[in-house]
Amino acid sequence: MVKSFRLKFGRRIKELRLERGITQEELSFRSGVSRSHIGMIEQGLRDISLNCIFKISRALHVPLNELFDFDNLLVYVDNSYLDIY
């Protein structure tokens, strides 16, 4: 489940970056996060700190919640999914 979340989060970062027409290198420059770290985040290979999430959101000029726009808020409880939206 965590790996799936990391992958979806990374795809969201990449989607927002490409919508703005910027490269990983430019996002790295704007955010202060290394290009290799951004690449690994976009591929779902690395966990990301809150500090890094904040820096990337500011570099992309998006509110924090927009980075998590892929999440449908399903919560696993007692072997069943509950939609808490």
Protein backbone atom coordinates (compact mmCIF):
# COMPACT_ATOMS: atom_id res chain seq x y z
CA MET A 1 0.00 0.00 0.00
CA VAL A 2 2.80 2.44 0.87
CA LYS A 3 4.65 1.71 -2.37
CA SER A 4 1.45 2.38 -4.33
CA PHE A 5 1.01 5.70 -2.51
CA ARG A 6 4.63 6.71 -3.24
CA LEU A 7 4.14 5.86 -6.91
CA LYS A 8 0.91 7.87 -7.18
CA PHE A 9 2.46 10.79 -5.32
CA GLY A 10 5.47 10.74 -7.65
CA ARG A 11 3.25 10.64 -10.72
CA ARG A 12 1.35 13.65 -9.36
CA ILE A 13 4.57 15.62 -8.89
CA LYS A 14 5.63 14.76 -12.44
CA GLU A 15 2.19 15.68 -13.82
CA LEU A 16 2.29 19.10 -12.17
CA ARG A 17 5.89 19.68 -13.27
CA LEU A 18 5.10 18.81 -16.90
CA GLU A 19 1.95 20.97 -16.88
CA ARG A 20 4.22 23.87 -16.04
CA GLY A 21 6.72 22.92 -18.74
CA ILE A 22 9.71 22.61 -16.43
CA THR A 23 12.40 19.96 -16.28
CA GLN A 24 13.50 18.02 -13.22
CA GLU A 25 16.63 20.15 -13.24
CA GLU A 26 14.59 23.38 -13.17
CA LEU A 27 12.39 22.02 -10.36
CA SER A 28 15.57 21.11 -8.50
CA PHE A 29 16.91 24.65 -8.92
CA ARG A 30 13.62 26.23 -7.78
CA SER A 31 13.09 23.92 -4.82
CA GLY A 32 16.59 23.22 -3.58
CA VAL A 33 15.90 19.46 -3.81
CA SER A 34 18.48 17.52 -5.81
CA ARG A 35 17.53 16.45 -9.33
CA SER A 36 18.31 12.82 -8.57
CA HIS A 37 16.03 12.94 -5.51
CA ILE A 38 13.22 14.45 -7.59
CA GLY A 39 13.69 11.72 -10.18
CA MET A 40 13.45 9.01 -7.53
CA ILE A 41 10.37 10.65 -5.99
CA GLU A 42 8.66 10.81 -9.39
CA GLN A 43 9.40 7.11 -9.91
CA GLY A 44 8.02 6.21 -6.48
CA LEU A 45 11.41 4.98 -5.31
CA ARG A 46 11.92 7.36 -2.38
CA ASP A 47 9.95 8.50 0.60
CA ILE A 48 9.71 12.25 0.90
CA SER A 49 9.93 14.46 3.96
CA LEU A 50 7.40 17.14 4.83
CA ASN A 51 10.12 19.72 4.32
CA CYS A 52 10.74 18.44 0.79
CA ILE A 53 6.98 18.35 0.03
CA PHE A 54 6.73 21.97 1.13
CA LYS A 55 9.71 23.04 -1.02
CA ILE A 56 8.33 21.28 -4.11
CA SER A 57 4.85 22.75 -3.64
CA ARG A 58 6.31 26.24 -3.50
CA ALA A 59 8.57 25.62 -6.50
CA LEU A 60 5.54 24.42 -8.49
CA HIS A 61 3.40 27.31 -7.16
CA VAL A 62 0.67 24.99 -5.91
CA PRO A 63 -0.96 24.63 -2.48
CA LEU A 64 0.09 21.54 -0.54
CA ASN A 65 -3.29 19.85 -0.92
CA GLU A 66 -2.95 19.95 -4.70
CA LEU A 67 0.04 17.62 -4.48
CA PHE A 68 -2.27 15.03 -2.93
CA ASP A 69 -5.11 15.47 -5.43
CA PHE A 70 -4.77 11.82 -6.54
CA ASP A 71 -5.85 10.46 -3.13
CA ASN A 72 -9.50 9.36 -2.90
CA LEU A 73 -9.36 9.03 0.90
CA LEU A 74 -10.25 5.36 1.17
CA VAL A 75 -9.38 4.00 4.59
CA TYR A 76 -8.88 0.31 5.30
CA VAL A 77 -10.69 -0.70 8.50
CA ASP A 78 -11.57 -4.24 9.67
CA ASN A 79 -10.96 -5.85 6.25
CA SER A 80 -13.22 -3.42 4.41
CA TYR A 81 -12.78 -0.06 2.73
CA LEU A 82 -14.73 2.91 4.02
CA ASP A 83 -15.09 6.03 1.94
CA ILE A 84 -14.65 8.93 4.37
CA TYR A 85 -15.10 11.65 1.80
